[in-house]
Amino acid sequence: MARWQPNASQRLVAAALDLFAERGYENTTVIDIARRADLTKSTFFRYFPDKREVLFGGDTMTGLLAKGIAAAPATATPLEAVAHVLDAVGREAFTPDRREFTARRRAVIATHPELQEREALKGLALTAALAGALQRRGVPELTARVAAELGALAMKIAFERWSDTANGDDFADLARRTLRDLQEATASC
């Protein structure tokens, strides 16, 4: 096996996505994924604790959100800090070259309840990361939670729209528009 080849974790993710789409999540094993990536089972477990986690990227997004909130201008309101994060997510995570992969990933997740549950848990963790990062900036807890919930909802809606391969919009633009739309909708409640 070609264990020395670079990008082992990316190869494992691509192999898992292909196999989940071809065979289904239940009919794919860690060994199948490792073999498809031309790696060993132990290499798989160096990167991921189980086959479910291979599609969820660990704490990468959580770290990106916390870093983005911290990097927002000191004068930014909580929602301006969230908008700053949405820009960073568009630049660093949801780039045009990832759109097709993301659409395929969403399709696989939509077919399996265990993956849907994991996606929902990831969403909760991202919302908590946003709220925590806002609180570290000195934002009161309730305000931080509301801003984080709106930001997470904007990110989720924008992500769904952006991952549609027929959509050519930039993620950051979609996310900012969605955040504005949500602000307007909540103002009229």
Protein backbone atom coordinates (compact mmCIF):
# COMPACT_ATOMS: atom_id res chain seq x y z
CA MET A 1 0.00 0.00 0.00
CA ALA A 2 1.19 3.48 -0.83
CA ARG A 3 1.19 4.86 2.69
CA TRP A 4 3.87 7.43 1.87
CA GLN A 5 1.72 9.27 -0.66
CA PRO A 6 0.59 12.73 0.46
CA ASN A 7 -2.91 13.87 1.45
CA ALA A 8 -3.94 10.68 3.22
CA SER A 9 -6.88 12.29 5.02
CA GLN A 10 -8.20 13.89 1.82
CA ARG A 11 -7.88 10.58 0.00
CA LEU A 12 -9.81 8.85 2.78
CA VAL A 13 -12.59 11.42 2.63
CA ALA A 14 -12.85 11.11 -1.16
CA ALA A 15 -12.84 7.31 -0.97
CA ALA A 16 -15.51 7.27 1.74
CA LEU A 17 -17.74 9.66 -0.18
CA ASP A 18 -17.43 7.57 -3.34
CA LEU A 19 -18.15 4.33 -1.49
CA PHE A 20 -21.07 5.75 0.50
CA ALA A 21 -22.59 6.98 -2.78
CA GLU A 22 -21.95 3.66 -4.58
CA ARG A 23 -22.76 1.12 -1.87
CA GLY A 24 -24.52 3.05 0.85
CA TYR A 25 -23.24 4.00 4.26
CA GLU A 26 -24.25 0.72 5.94
CA ASN A 27 -22.54 -1.41 3.29
CA THR A 28 -19.18 0.35 3.51
CA THR A 29 -16.52 -0.57 6.06
CA VAL A 30 -13.44 1.26 7.28
CA ILE A 31 -11.36 -1.39 5.52
CA ASP A 32 -13.21 -0.68 2.26
CA ILE A 33 -12.47 3.03 2.63
CA ALA A 34 -8.80 2.47 3.44
CA ARG A 35 -8.37 0.10 0.51
CA ARG A 36 -10.08 2.51 -1.91
CA ALA A 37 -7.69 5.25 -0.73
CA ASP A 38 -4.76 2.82 -1.08
CA LEU A 39 -4.02 3.08 2.64
CA THR A 40 -4.19 0.82 5.67
CA LYS A 41 -6.90 0.55 8.30
CA SER A 42 -4.48 1.91 10.92
CA THR A 43 -3.86 4.97 8.75
CA PHE A 44 -7.62 5.54 8.61
CA PHE A 45 -7.80 5.50 12.42
CA ARG A 46 -4.93 7.97 12.66
CA TYR A 47 -7.22 10.54 11.06
CA PHE A 48 -10.76 9.50 12.02
CA PRO A 49 -12.26 7.67 15.00
CA ASP A 50 -14.89 5.91 12.83
CA LYS A 51 -16.41 5.88 9.36
CA ARG A 52 -19.11 8.39 10.29
CA GLU A 53 -16.57 11.07 11.16
CA VAL A 54 -14.80 10.88 7.81
CA LEU A 55 -17.36 13.29 6.31
CA PHE A 56 -17.34 15.83 9.13
CA GLY A 57 -13.86 17.36 9.20
CA GLY A 58 -13.14 17.23 12.90
CA ASP A 59 -12.85 20.62 14.57
CA THR A 60 -11.67 22.49 11.48
CA MET A 61 -14.80 24.61 11.08
CA THR A 62 -15.11 25.23 14.82
CA GLY A 63 -11.58 26.61 14.88
CA LEU A 64 -12.23 28.72 11.80
CA LEU A 65 -15.32 30.26 13.41
CA ALA A 66 -13.54 31.07 16.66
CA LYS A 67 -10.57 32.54 14.82
CA GLY A 68 -12.85 34.60 12.56
CA ILE A 69 -14.78 36.10 15.47
CA ALA A 70 -11.52 36.97 17.24
CA ALA A 71 -10.20 38.62 14.07
CA ALA A 72 -13.27 40.82 13.56
CA PRO A 73 -12.63 44.54 14.15
CA ALA A 74 -12.87 45.52 17.81
CA THR A 75 -15.66 47.98 16.96
CA ALA A 76 -17.81 45.33 15.25
CA THR A 77 -21.24 44.62 16.66
CA PRO A 78 -21.97 40.95 17.38
CA LEU A 79 -23.72 40.50 14.02
CA GLU A 80 -20.94 42.37 12.20
CA ALA A 81 -18.47 39.95 13.81
CA VAL A 82 -20.63 37.07 12.59
CA ALA A 83 -20.66 38.56 9.08
CA HIS A 84 -16.86 38.77 9.28
CA VAL A 85 -16.80 35.04 10.06
CA LEU A 86 -19.08 34.24 7.13
CA ASP A 87 -16.60 36.00 4.85
CA ALA A 88 -13.75 33.94 6.31
CA VAL A 89 -15.72 30.71 5.84
CA GLY A 90 -16.28 31.63 2.19
CA ARG A 91 -12.58 32.35 1.65
CA GLU A 92 -11.20 29.36 3.50
CA ALA A 93 -13.76 26.54 3.47
CA PHE A 94 -16.52 26.98 0.91
CA THR A 95 -14.48 27.81 -2.14
CA PRO A 96 -15.70 27.26 -5.71
CA ASP A 97 -13.47 24.19 -6.14
CA ARG A 98 -15.27 22.50 -3.20
CA ARG A 99 -18.82 23.05 -4.45
CA GLU A 100 -19.19 19.74 -6.30
CA PHE A 101 -17.71 17.74 -3.42
CA THR A 102 -20.03 19.53 -1.00
CA ALA A 103 -23.09 18.77 -3.13
CA ARG A 104 -22.12 15.08 -3.24
CA ARG A 105 -21.50 15.08 0.52
CA ARG A 106 -24.93 16.61 1.20
CA ALA A 107 -26.59 14.01 -1.03
CA VAL A 108 -24.92 11.14 0.85
CA ILE A 109 -25.82 12.62 4.25
CA ALA A 110 -29.44 13.06 3.17
CA THR A 111 -29.75 9.30 2.58
CA HIS A 112 -28.78 8.11 6.04
CA PRO A 113 -30.28 9.01 9.44
CA GLU A 114 -27.03 8.43 11.36
CA LEU A 115 -25.22 10.91 9.12
CA GLN A 116 -28.12 13.37 9.39
CA GLU A 117 -27.88 13.14 13.16
CA ARG A 118 -24.14 13.78 13.05
CA GLU A 119 -24.68 16.78 10.76
CA ALA A 120 -27.22 18.20 13.23
CA LEU A 121 -24.78 17.71 16.12
CA LYS A 122 -22.08 19.46 14.14
CA GLY A 123 -24.46 22.39 13.59
CA LEU A 124 -25.04 22.64 17.35
CA ALA A 125 -21.30 22.59 17.99
CA LEU A 126 -20.75 25.35 15.43
CA THR A 127 -23.45 27.50 17.03
CA ALA A 128 -21.87 26.98 20.45
CA ALA A 129 -18.45 27.88 19.03
CA LEU A 130 -19.84 31.13 17.62
CA ALA A 131 -21.54 32.01 20.91
CA GLY A 132 -18.43 31.18 22.93
CA ALA A 133 -16.20 33.25 20.66
CA LEU A 134 -18.58 36.20 20.92
CA GLN A 135 -18.62 35.91 24.71
CA ARG A 136 -14.81 35.96 24.75
CA ARG A 137 -15.10 39.32 22.96
CA GLY A 138 -17.14 40.56 25.89
CA VAL A 139 -20.59 40.14 24.34
CA PRO A 140 -23.21 39.34 27.01
CA GLU A 141 -24.34 35.69 26.98
CA LEU A 142 -27.90 36.20 25.71
CA THR A 143 -26.79 38.59 22.95
CA ALA A 144 -23.99 36.19 21.99
CA ARG A 145 -26.42 33.28 21.80
CA VAL A 146 -28.92 35.19 19.66
CA ALA A 147 -26.19 36.44 17.29
CA ALA A 148 -24.71 32.92 17.11
CA GLU A 149 -28.10 31.36 16.34
CA LEU A 150 -28.77 33.89 13.59
CA GLY A 151 -25.25 33.41 12.22
CA ALA A 152 -25.55 29.63 12.26
CA LEU A 153 -28.93 29.79 10.56
CA ALA A 154 -27.56 32.16 7.91
CA MET A 155 -24.59 29.86 7.38
CA LYS A 156 -26.85 26.79 7.07
CA ILE A 157 -29.22 28.41 4.57
CA ALA A 158 -26.36 29.92 2.57
CA PHE A 159 -24.57 26.54 2.59
CA GLU A 160 -27.66 24.79 1.22
CA ARG A 161 -28.00 27.37 -1.54
CA TRP A 162 -24.28 27.50 -2.32
CA SER A 163 -23.86 23.72 -2.52
CA ASP A 164 -26.46 23.54 -5.27
CA THR A 165 -24.14 23.09 -8.24
CA ALA A 166 -26.47 25.18 -10.42
CA ASN A 167 -25.79 28.15 -8.15
CA GLY A 168 -22.73 30.16 -9.13
CA ASP A 169 -22.87 32.65 -6.26
CA ASP A 170 -19.96 33.11 -3.90
CA PHE A 171 -20.60 31.64 -0.44
CA ALA A 172 -19.68 34.83 1.43
CA ASP A 173 -22.09 36.90 -0.69
CA LEU A 174 -24.90 34.38 -0.15
CA ALA A 175 -24.21 34.25 3.57
CA ARG A 176 -24.18 38.02 4.01
CA ARG A 177 -27.43 38.38 2.04
CA THR A 178 -29.01 35.61 4.08
CA LEU A 179 -27.89 37.22 7.34
CA ARG A 180 -29.41 40.54 6.23
CA ASP A 181 -32.65 38.77 5.28
CA LEU A 182 -32.78 37.10 8.68
CA GLN A 183 -32.20 40.41 10.46
CA GLU A 184 -35.06 41.96 8.50
CA ALA A 185 -37.32 38.98 9.21
CA THR A 186 -36.63 39.11 12.95
CA ALA A 187 -37.20 42.87 13.03
CA SER A 188 -40.71 42.37 11.67
CA CYS A 189 -41.63 39.63 14.18
